[in-house]
Amino acid sequence: MTQKSLCLLALFWAFASQAAVDVNTATVAELDGIKGIGPASSARILDARKNANFKDWGDLIQRVKGIKSSQAARLSAEGLTVNGQGYEPAARQ
């Protein structure tokens, strides 16, 4: 029974570590837990979020200094979302 419980706990931990973090509801600790976001980036995100939640990735990129499309793609791959959505680059024209 103990081995089964430990196995389930390990699976839960693995799933939880891969769970998405939404930029509009994330705490400082959750943002810092995303690879590529440090204390300075967390502060800029939370500062911009004070004015209004982010509508989409384009809004986040526009309002937060240091986040460009390439960084947004990496952050999305690490589990960051905006309103539950992962980053999808705009189609080239």
PDB file of N, CA and C in Angstrom:
ATOM      1  N   MET A   1       0.822  -1.195   0.000  1.00  0.00           N
ATOM      2  CA  MET A   1       0.000   0.000   0.000  1.00  0.00           C
ATOM      3  C   MET A   1       0.866   1.259   0.000  1.00  0.00           C
ATOM      4  N   THR A   2       1.941   1.258   0.780  1.00  0.00           N
ATOM      5  CA  THR A   2       2.813   2.419   0.860  1.00  0.00           C
ATOM      6  C   THR A   2       3.476   2.696  -0.480  1.00  0.00           C
ATOM      7  N   GLN A   3       3.910   1.644  -1.166  1.00  0.00           N
ATOM      8  CA  GLN A   3       4.544   1.833  -2.477  1.00  0.00           C
ATOM      9  C   GLN A   3       3.556   2.408  -3.474  1.00  0.00           C
ATOM     10  N   LYS A   4       2.320   1.946  -3.412  1.00  0.00           N
ATOM     11  CA  LYS A   4       1.286   2.454  -4.309  1.00  0.00           C
ATOM     12  C   LYS A   4       1.041   3.943  -4.043  1.00  0.00           C
ATOM     13  N   SER A   5       0.975   4.309  -2.771  1.00  0.00           N
ATOM     14  CA  SER A   5       0.753   5.705  -2.406  1.00  0.00           C
ATOM     15  C   SER A   5       1.911   6.581  -2.863  1.00  0.00           C
ATOM     16  N   LEU A   6       3.129   6.103  -2.685  1.00  0.00           N
ATOM     17  CA  LEU A   6       4.301   6.861  -3.120  1.00  0.00           C
ATOM     18  C   LEU A   6       4.325   7.027  -4.628  1.00  0.00           C
ATOM     19  N   CYS A   7       3.941   5.992  -5.327  1.00  0.00           N
ATOM     20  CA  CYS A   7       3.899   6.055  -6.792  1.00  0.00           C
ATOM     21  C   CYS A   7       2.866   7.092  -7.252  1.00  0.00           C
ATOM     22  N   LEU A   8       1.688   7.063  -6.634  1.00  0.00           N
ATOM     23  CA  LEU A   8       0.647   8.035  -6.984  1.00  0.00           C
ATOM     24  C   LEU A   8       1.077   9.459  -6.642  1.00  0.00           C
ATOM     25  N   LEU A   9       1.727   9.606  -5.507  1.00  0.00           N
ATOM     26  CA  LEU A   9       2.230  10.921  -5.120  1.00  0.00           C
ATOM     27  C   LEU A   9       3.273  11.428  -6.117  1.00  0.00           C
ATOM     28  N   ALA A  10       4.157  10.562  -6.562  1.00  0.00           N
ATOM     29  CA  ALA A  10       5.172  10.932  -7.548  1.00  0.00           C
ATOM     30  C   ALA A  10       4.525  11.332  -8.870  1.00  0.00           C
ATOM     31  N   LEU A  11       3.512  10.594  -9.300  1.00  0.00           N
ATOM     32  CA  LEU A  11       2.807  10.934 -10.539  1.00  0.00           C
ATOM     33  C   LEU A  11       2.095  12.279 -10.412  1.00  0.00           C
ATOM     34  N   PHE A  12       1.471  12.507  -9.260  1.00  0.00           N
ATOM     35  CA  PHE A  12       0.804  13.776  -9.031  1.00  0.00           C
ATOM     36  C   PHE A  12       1.802  14.923  -9.064  1.00  0.00           C
ATOM     37  N   TRP A  13       2.949  14.750  -8.409  1.00  0.00           N
ATOM     38  CA  TRP A  13       3.984  15.786  -8.375  1.00  0.00           C
ATOM     39  C   TRP A  13       4.482  16.097  -9.783  1.00  0.00           C
ATOM     40  N   ALA A  14       4.692  15.048 -10.592  1.00  0.00           N
ATOM     41  CA  ALA A  14       5.160  15.251 -11.968  1.00  0.00           C
ATOM     42  C   ALA A  14       4.120  16.024 -12.773  1.00  0.00           C
ATOM     43  N   PHE A  15       2.852  15.687 -12.592  1.00  0.00           N
ATOM     44  CA  PHE A  15       1.791  16.393 -13.307  1.00  0.00           C
ATOM     45  C   PHE A  15       1.702  17.841 -12.844  1.00  0.00           C
ATOM     46  N   ALA A  16       1.749  18.049 -11.546  1.00  0.00           N
ATOM     47  CA  ALA A  16       1.619  19.404 -11.002  1.00  0.00           C
ATOM     48  C   ALA A  16       2.757  20.300 -11.455  1.00  0.00           C
ATOM     49  N   SER A  17       3.950  19.758 -11.595  1.00  0.00           N
ATOM     50  CA  SER A  17       5.085  20.580 -12.016  1.00  0.00           C
ATOM     51  C   SER A  17       4.960  20.989 -13.475  1.00  0.00           C
ATOM     52  N   GLN A  18       4.164  20.277 -14.246  1.00  0.00           N
ATOM     53  CA  GLN A  18       3.954  20.601 -15.652  1.00  0.00           C
ATOM     54  C   GLN A  18       2.656  21.381 -15.876  1.00  0.00           C
ATOM     55  N   ALA A  19       1.918  21.642 -14.811  1.00  0.00           N
ATOM     56  CA  ALA A  19       0.646  22.337 -14.929  1.00  0.00           C
ATOM     57  C   ALA A  19       0.855  23.764 -15.426  1.00  0.00           C
ATOM     58  N   ALA A  20      -0.112  24.227 -16.170  1.00  0.00           N
ATOM     59  CA  ALA A  20      -0.033  25.569 -16.731  1.00  0.00           C
ATOM     60  C   ALA A  20      -0.172  26.629 -15.638  1.00  0.00           C
ATOM     61  N   VAL A  21       0.506  27.733 -15.846  1.00  0.00           N
ATOM     62  CA  VAL A  21       0.439  28.885 -14.948  1.00  0.00           C
ATOM     63  C   VAL A  21      -0.098  30.048 -15.774  1.00  0.00           C
ATOM     64  N   ASP A  22      -1.276  30.553 -15.395  1.00  0.00           N
ATOM     65  CA  ASP A  22      -1.853  31.661 -16.144  1.00  0.00           C
ATOM     66  C   ASP A  22      -1.308  32.982 -15.622  1.00  0.00           C
ATOM     67  N   VAL A  23      -0.825  33.797 -16.531  1.00  0.00           N
ATOM     68  CA  VAL A  23      -0.183  35.064 -16.184  1.00  0.00           C
ATOM     69  C   VAL A  23      -1.143  36.015 -15.459  1.00  0.00           C
ATOM     70  N   ASN A  24      -2.444  35.867 -15.676  1.00  0.00           N
ATOM     71  CA  ASN A  24      -3.416  36.768 -15.048  1.00  0.00           C
ATOM     72  C   ASN A  24      -3.769  36.391 -13.616  1.00  0.00           C
ATOM     73  N   THR A  25      -3.431  35.197 -13.192  1.00  0.00           N
ATOM     74  CA  THR A  25      -3.772  34.768 -11.837  1.00  0.00           C
ATOM     75  C   THR A  25      -2.562  34.302 -11.032  1.00  0.00           C
ATOM     76  N   ALA A  26      -1.421  34.224 -11.666  1.00  0.00           N
ATOM     77  CA  ALA A  26      -0.222  33.665 -11.030  1.00  0.00           C
ATOM     78  C   ALA A  26       0.309  34.545  -9.910  1.00  0.00           C
ATOM     79  N   THR A  27       0.830  33.886  -8.902  1.00  0.00           N
ATOM     80  CA  THR A  27       1.519  34.578  -7.818  1.00  0.00           C
ATOM     81  C   THR A  27       2.971  34.800  -8.233  1.00  0.00           C
ATOM     82  N   VAL A  28       3.698  35.560  -7.439  1.00  0.00           N
ATOM     83  CA  VAL A  28       5.119  35.769  -7.704  1.00  0.00           C
ATOM     84  C   VAL A  28       5.840  34.426  -7.728  1.00  0.00           C
ATOM     85  N   ALA A  29       5.536  33.574  -6.774  1.00  0.00           N
ATOM     86  CA  ALA A  29       6.202  32.262  -6.694  1.00  0.00           C
ATOM     87  C   ALA A  29       5.906  31.414  -7.932  1.00  0.00           C
ATOM     88  N   GLU A  30       4.667  31.443  -8.400  1.00  0.00           N
ATOM     89  CA  GLU A  30       4.318  30.673  -9.601  1.00  0.00           C
ATOM     90  C   GLU A  30       5.040  31.218 -10.828  1.00  0.00           C
ATOM     91  N   LEU A  31       5.097  32.537 -10.956  1.00  0.00           N
ATOM     92  CA  LEU A  31       5.811  33.128 -12.091  1.00  0.00           C
ATOM     93  C   LEU A  31       7.296  32.795 -12.028  1.00  0.00           C
ATOM     94  N   ASP A  32       7.880  32.914 -10.839  1.00  0.00           N
ATOM     95  CA  ASP A  32       9.304  32.597 -10.678  1.00  0.00           C
ATOM     96  C   ASP A  32       9.588  31.124 -10.955  1.00  0.00           C
ATOM     97  N   GLY A  33       8.580  30.281 -10.817  1.00  0.00           N
ATOM     98  CA  GLY A  33       8.738  28.860 -11.084  1.00  0.00           C
ATOM     99  C   GLY A  33       8.807  28.522 -12.560  1.00  0.00           C
ATOM    100  N   ILE A  34       8.474  29.467 -13.414  1.00  0.00           N
ATOM    101  CA  ILE A  34       8.558  29.263 -14.867  1.00  0.00           C
ATOM    102  C   ILE A  34       9.982  29.540 -15.294  1.00  0.00           C
ATOM    103  N   LYS A  35      10.605  28.562 -15.937  1.00  0.00           N
ATOM    104  CA  LYS A  35      11.968  28.746 -16.435  1.00  0.00           C
ATOM    105  C   LYS A  35      11.976  29.904 -17.433  1.00  0.00           C
ATOM    106  N   GLY A  36      12.849  30.872 -17.185  1.00  0.00           N
ATOM    107  CA  GLY A  36      12.937  32.044 -18.050  1.00  0.00           C
ATOM    108  C   GLY A  36      12.340  33.293 -17.426  1.00  0.00           C
ATOM    109  N   ILE A  37      11.628  33.116 -16.299  1.00  0.00           N
ATOM    110  CA  ILE A  37      11.092  34.267 -15.578  1.00  0.00           C
ATOM    111  C   ILE A  37      11.808  34.361 -14.241  1.00  0.00           C
ATOM    112  N   GLY A  38      12.442  35.489 -14.023  1.00  0.00           N
ATOM    113  CA  GLY A  38      13.121  35.733 -12.760  1.00  0.00           C
ATOM    114  C   GLY A  38      12.409  36.817 -11.986  1.00  0.00           C
ATOM    115  N   PRO A  39      12.999  37.251 -10.890  1.00  0.00           N
ATOM    116  CA  PRO A  39      12.368  38.271 -10.052  1.00  0.00           C
ATOM    117  C   PRO A  39      12.047  39.576 -10.795  1.00  0.00           C
ATOM    118  N   ALA A  40      12.940  40.022 -11.654  1.00  0.00           N
ATOM    119  CA  ALA A  40      12.702  41.281 -12.377  1.00  0.00           C
ATOM    120  C   ALA A  40      11.530  41.130 -13.352  1.00  0.00           C
ATOM    121  N   SER A  41      11.491  40.019 -14.069  1.00  0.00           N
ATOM    122  CA  SER A  41      10.382  39.782 -15.012  1.00  0.00           C
ATOM    123  C   SER A  41       9.062  39.637 -14.272  1.00  0.00           C
ATOM    124  N   SER A  42       9.086  38.919 -13.157  1.00  0.00           N
ATOM    125  CA  SER A  42       7.862  38.758 -12.350  1.00  0.00           C
ATOM    126  C   SER A  42       7.337  40.119 -11.919  1.00  0.00           C
ATOM    127  N   ALA A  43       8.237  40.975 -11.463  1.00  0.00           N
ATOM    128  CA  ALA A  43       7.839  42.307 -11.014  1.00  0.00           C
ATOM    129  C   ALA A  43       7.226  43.107 -12.154  1.00  0.00           C
ATOM    130  N   ARG A  44       7.832  43.039 -13.344  1.00  0.00           N
ATOM    131  CA  ARG A  44       7.284  43.774 -14.498  1.00  0.00           C
ATOM    132  C   ARG A  44       5.908  43.240 -14.890  1.00  0.00           C
ATOM    133  N   ILE A  45       5.743  41.922 -14.850  1.00  0.00           N
ATOM    134  CA  ILE A  45       4.451  41.321 -15.195  1.00  0.00           C
ATOM    135  C   ILE A  45       3.380  41.761 -14.193  1.00  0.00           C
ATOM    136  N   LEU A  46       3.685  41.644 -12.906  1.00  0.00           N
ATOM    137  CA  LEU A  46       2.703  42.011 -11.886  1.00  0.00           C
ATOM    138  C   LEU A  46       2.398  43.499 -11.910  1.00  0.00           C
ATOM    139  N   ASP A  47       3.389  44.309 -12.199  1.00  0.00           N
ATOM    140  CA  ASP A  47       3.190  45.753 -12.316  1.00  0.00           C
ATOM    141  C   ASP A  47       2.215  46.073 -13.448  1.00  0.00           C
ATOM    142  N   ALA A  48       2.428  45.464 -14.599  1.00  0.00           N
ATOM    143  CA  ALA A  48       1.555  45.702 -15.754  1.00  0.00           C
ATOM    144  C   ALA A  48       0.157  45.144 -15.499  1.00  0.00           C
ATOM    145  N   ARG A  49       0.081  44.033 -14.771  1.00  0.00           N
ATOM    146  CA  ARG A  49      -1.209  43.404 -14.498  1.00  0.00           C
ATOM    147  C   ARG A  49      -2.054  44.230 -13.545  1.00  0.00           C
ATOM    148  N   LYS A  50      -1.426  45.096 -12.741  1.00  0.00           N
ATOM    149  CA  LYS A  50      -2.179  45.950 -11.812  1.00  0.00           C
ATOM    150  C   LYS A  50      -3.175  46.831 -12.571  1.00  0.00           C
ATOM    151  N   ASN A  51      -2.795  47.271 -13.760  1.00  0.00           N
ATOM    152  CA  ASN A  51      -3.653  48.150 -14.557  1.00  0.00           C
ATOM    153  C   ASN A  51      -4.839  47.398 -15.142  1.00  0.00           C
ATOM    154  N   ALA A  52      -4.593  46.192 -15.626  1.00  0.00           N
ATOM    155  CA  ALA A  52      -5.640  45.357 -16.216  1.00  0.00           C
ATOM    156  C   ALA A  52      -5.049  43.993 -16.539  1.00  0.00           C
ATOM    157  N   ASN A  53      -5.907  42.974 -16.531  1.00  0.00           N
ATOM    158  CA  ASN A  53      -5.449  41.657 -16.949  1.00  0.00           C
ATOM    159  C   ASN A  53      -5.019  41.693 -18.408  1.00  0.00           C
ATOM    160  N   PHE A  54      -4.163  40.768 -18.772  1.00  0.00           N
ATOM    161  CA  PHE A  54      -3.709  40.677 -20.160  1.00  0.00           C
ATOM    162  C   PHE A  54      -4.789  40.002 -20.995  1.00  0.00           C
ATOM    163  N   LYS A  55      -5.095  40.586 -22.149  1.00  0.00           N
ATOM    164  CA  LYS A  55      -6.134  40.041 -23.024  1.00  0.00           C
ATOM    165  C   LYS A  55      -5.653  38.798 -23.757  1.00  0.00           C
ATOM    166  N   ASP A  56      -4.406  38.875 -24.221  1.00  0.00           N
ATOM    167  CA  ASP A  56      -3.838  37.783 -25.005  1.00  0.00           C
ATOM    168  C   ASP A  56      -2.319  37.932 -25.000  1.00  0.00           C
ATOM    169  N   TRP A  57      -1.639  37.040 -25.713  1.00  0.00           N
ATOM    170  CA  TRP A  57      -0.180  37.092 -25.751  1.00  0.00           C
ATOM    171  C   TRP A  57       0.321  38.401 -26.355  1.00  0.00           C
ATOM    172  N   GLY A  58      -0.360  38.908 -27.363  1.00  0.00           N
ATOM    173  CA  GLY A  58       0.042  40.173 -27.985  1.00  0.00           C
ATOM    174  C   GLY A  58       0.006  41.315 -26.983  1.00  0.00           C
ATOM    175  N   ASP A  59      -1.004  41.323 -26.135  1.00  0.00           N
ATOM    176  CA  ASP A  59      -1.133  42.337 -25.097  1.00  0.00           C
ATOM    177  C   ASP A  59       0.014  42.202 -24.091  1.00  0.00           C
ATOM    178  N   LEU A  60       0.337  40.976 -23.694  1.00  0.00           N
ATOM    179  CA  LEU A  60       1.449  40.746 -22.770  1.00  0.00           C
ATOM    180  C   LEU A  60       2.762  41.236 -23.376  1.00  0.00           C
ATOM    181  N   ILE A  61       3.009  40.879 -24.628  1.00  0.00           N
ATOM    182  CA  ILE A  61       4.239  41.284 -25.315  1.00  0.00           C
ATOM    183  C   ILE A  61       4.337  42.803 -25.410  1.00  0.00           C
ATOM    184  N   GLN A  62       3.222  43.444 -25.669  1.00  0.00           N
ATOM    185  CA  GLN A  62       3.220  44.903 -25.817  1.00  0.00           C
ATOM    186  C   GLN A  62       3.440  45.618 -24.484  1.00  0.00           C
ATOM    187  N   ARG A  63       2.882  45.082 -23.412  1.00  0.00           N
ATOM    188  CA  ARG A  63       2.898  45.793 -22.135  1.00  0.00           C
ATOM    189  C   ARG A  63       4.057  45.450 -21.208  1.00  0.00           C
ATOM    190  N   VAL A  64       4.731  44.315 -21.435  1.00  0.00           N
ATOM    191  CA  VAL A  64       5.805  43.910 -20.530  1.00  0.00           C
ATOM    192  C   VAL A  64       7.142  43.973 -21.250  1.00  0.00           C
ATOM    193  N   LYS A  65       7.980  44.911 -20.821  1.00  0.00           N
ATOM    194  CA  LYS A  65       9.308  45.090 -21.402  1.00  0.00           C
ATOM    195  C   LYS A  65      10.106  43.796 -21.247  1.00  0.00           C
ATOM    196  N   GLY A  66      10.783  43.421 -22.309  1.00  0.00           N
ATOM    197  CA  GLY A  66      11.639  42.234 -22.277  1.00  0.00           C
ATOM    198  C   GLY A  66      10.993  40.975 -22.804  1.00  0.00           C
ATOM    199  N   ILE A  67       9.683  40.993 -23.012  1.00  0.00           N
ATOM    200  CA  ILE A  67       9.027  39.819 -23.581  1.00  0.00           C
ATOM    201  C   ILE A  67       8.718  40.107 -25.040  1.00  0.00           C
ATOM    202  N   LYS A  68       9.397  39.380 -25.879  1.00  0.00           N
ATOM    203  CA  LYS A  68       9.181  39.445 -27.330  1.00  0.00           C
ATOM    204  C   LYS A  68       8.614  38.102 -27.775  1.00  0.00           C
ATOM    205  N   SER A  69       8.327  37.944 -29.048  1.00  0.00           N
ATOM    206  CA  SER A  69       7.689  36.712 -29.519  1.00  0.00           C
ATOM    207  C   SER A  69       8.541  35.467 -29.269  1.00  0.00           C
ATOM    208  N   SER A  70       9.864  35.572 -29.425  1.00  0.00           N
ATOM    209  CA  SER A  70      10.707  34.397 -29.194  1.00  0.00           C
ATOM    210  C   SER A  70      10.690  34.002 -27.720  1.00  0.00           C
ATOM    211  N   GLN A  71      10.726  35.000 -26.829  1.00  0.00           N
ATOM    212  CA  GLN A  71      10.645  34.734 -25.391  1.00  0.00           C
ATOM    213  C   GLN A  71       9.264  34.185 -25.036  1.00  0.00           C
ATOM    214  N   ALA A  72       8.225  34.720 -25.647  1.00  0.00           N
ATOM    215  CA  ALA A  72       6.864  34.251 -25.388  1.00  0.00           C
ATOM    216  C   ALA A  72       6.727  32.772 -25.753  1.00  0.00           C
ATOM    217  N   ALA A  73       7.319  32.375 -26.860  1.00  0.00           N
ATOM    218  CA  ALA A  73       7.263  30.967 -27.276  1.00  0.00           C
ATOM    219  C   ALA A  73       7.953  30.075 -26.246  1.00  0.00           C
ATOM    220  N   ARG A  74       9.099  30.512 -25.729  1.00  0.00           N
ATOM    221  CA  ARG A  74       9.816  29.722 -24.713  1.00  0.00           C
ATOM    222  C   ARG A  74       9.019  29.652 -23.417  1.00  0.00           C
ATOM    223  N   LEU A  75       8.452  30.776 -22.990  1.00  0.00           N
ATOM    224  CA  LEU A  75       7.675  30.800 -21.753  1.00  0.00           C
ATOM    225  C   LEU A  75       6.428  29.914 -21.873  1.00  0.00           C
ATOM    226  N   SER A  76       5.809  29.951 -23.025  1.00  0.00           N
ATOM    227  CA  SER A  76       4.641  29.109 -23.260  1.00  0.00           C
ATOM    228  C   SER A  76       5.018  27.627 -23.203  1.00  0.00           C
ATOM    229  N   ALA A  77       6.157  27.287 -23.782  1.00  0.00           N
ATOM    230  CA  ALA A  77       6.631  25.900 -23.739  1.00  0.00           C
ATOM    231  C   ALA A  77       6.921  25.450 -22.309  1.00  0.00           C
ATOM    232  N   GLU A  78       7.251  26.399 -21.445  1.00  0.00           N
ATOM    233  CA  GLU A  78       7.531  26.085 -20.037  1.00  0.00           C
ATOM    234  C   GLU A  78       6.255  26.041 -19.194  1.00  0.00           C
ATOM    235  N   GLY A  79       5.104  26.384 -19.783  1.00  0.00           N
ATOM    236  CA  GLY A  79       3.830  26.264 -19.075  1.00  0.00           C
ATOM    237  C   GLY A  79       3.088  27.558 -18.813  1.00  0.00           C
ATOM    238  N   LEU A  80       3.613  28.696 -19.265  1.00  0.00           N
ATOM    239  CA  LEU A  80       2.919  29.960 -19.054  1.00  0.00           C
ATOM    240  C   LEU A  80       1.792  30.102 -20.079  1.00  0.00           C
ATOM    241  N   THR A  81       0.632  30.559 -19.613  1.00  0.00           N
ATOM    242  CA  THR A  81      -0.495  30.803 -20.505  1.00  0.00           C
ATOM    243  C   THR A  81      -1.038  32.207 -20.262  1.00  0.00           C
ATOM    244  N   VAL A  82      -1.796  32.703 -21.226  1.00  0.00           N
ATOM    245  CA  VAL A  82      -2.544  33.948 -21.069  1.00  0.00           C
ATOM    246  C   VAL A  82      -4.000  33.579 -21.315  1.00  0.00           C
ATOM    247  N   ASN A  83      -4.820  33.715 -20.276  1.00  0.00           N
ATOM    248  CA  ASN A  83      -6.227  33.300 -20.344  1.00  0.00           C
ATOM    249  C   ASN A  83      -6.356  31.843 -20.787  1.00  0.00           C
ATOM    250  N   GLY A  84      -5.448  31.018 -20.302  1.00  0.00           N
ATOM    251  CA  GLY A  84      -5.497  29.590 -20.588  1.00  0.00           C
ATOM    252  C   GLY A  84      -4.949  29.188 -21.951  1.00  0.00           C
ATOM    253  N   GLN A  85      -4.458  30.135 -22.713  1.00  0.00           N
ATOM    254  CA  GLN A  85      -3.976  29.857 -24.065  1.00  0.00           C
ATOM    255  C   GLN A  85      -2.455  29.883 -24.136  1.00  0.00           C
ATOM    256  N   GLY A  86      -1.890  28.924 -24.827  1.00  0.00           N
ATOM    257  CA  GLY A  86      -0.467  28.924 -25.104  1.00  0.00           C
ATOM    258  C   GLY A  86      -0.159  29.915 -26.218  1.00  0.00           C
ATOM    259  N   TYR A  87       1.106  30.231 -26.368  1.00  0.00           N
ATOM    260  CA  TYR A  87       1.512  31.200 -27.390  1.00  0.00           C
ATOM    261  C   TYR A  87       1.496  30.561 -28.765  1.00  0.00           C
ATOM    262  N   GLU A  88       0.911  31.250 -29.705  1.00  0.00           N
ATOM    263  CA  GLU A  88       0.943  30.859 -31.112  1.00  0.00           C
ATOM    264  C   GLU A  88       1.381  32.076 -31.905  1.00  0.00           C
ATOM    265  N   PRO A  89       2.543  31.987 -32.561  1.00  0.00           N
ATOM    266  CA  PRO A  89       3.010  33.150 -33.326  1.00  0.00           C
ATOM    267  C   PRO A  89       2.037  33.508 -34.444  1.00  0.00           C
ATOM    268  N   ALA A  90       1.960  34.796 -34.732  1.00  0.00           N
ATOM    269  CA  ALA A  90       1.091  35.264 -35.808  1.00  0.00           C
ATOM    270  C   ALA A  90       1.573  34.708 -37.139  1.00  0.00           C
ATOM    271  N   ALA A  91       0.646  34.416 -38.012  1.00  0.00           N
ATOM    272  CA  ALA A  91       1.002  33.897 -39.337  1.00  0.00           C
ATOM    273  C   ALA A  91       1.747  34.960 -40.127  1.00  0.00           C
ATOM    274  N   ARG A  92       2.773  34.534 -40.825  1.00  0.00           N
ATOM    275  CA  ARG A  92       3.528  35.480 -41.664  1.00  0.00           C
ATOM    276  C   ARG A  92       2.736  35.809 -42.909  1.00  0.00           C
ATOM    277  N   GLN A  93       2.871  37.044 -43.335  1.00  0.00           N
ATOM    278  CA  GLN A  93       2.113  37.463 -44.510  1.00  0.00           C
ATOM    279  C   GLN A  93       3.040  37.791 -45.634  1.00  0.00           C
TER     280      GLN A  93
END
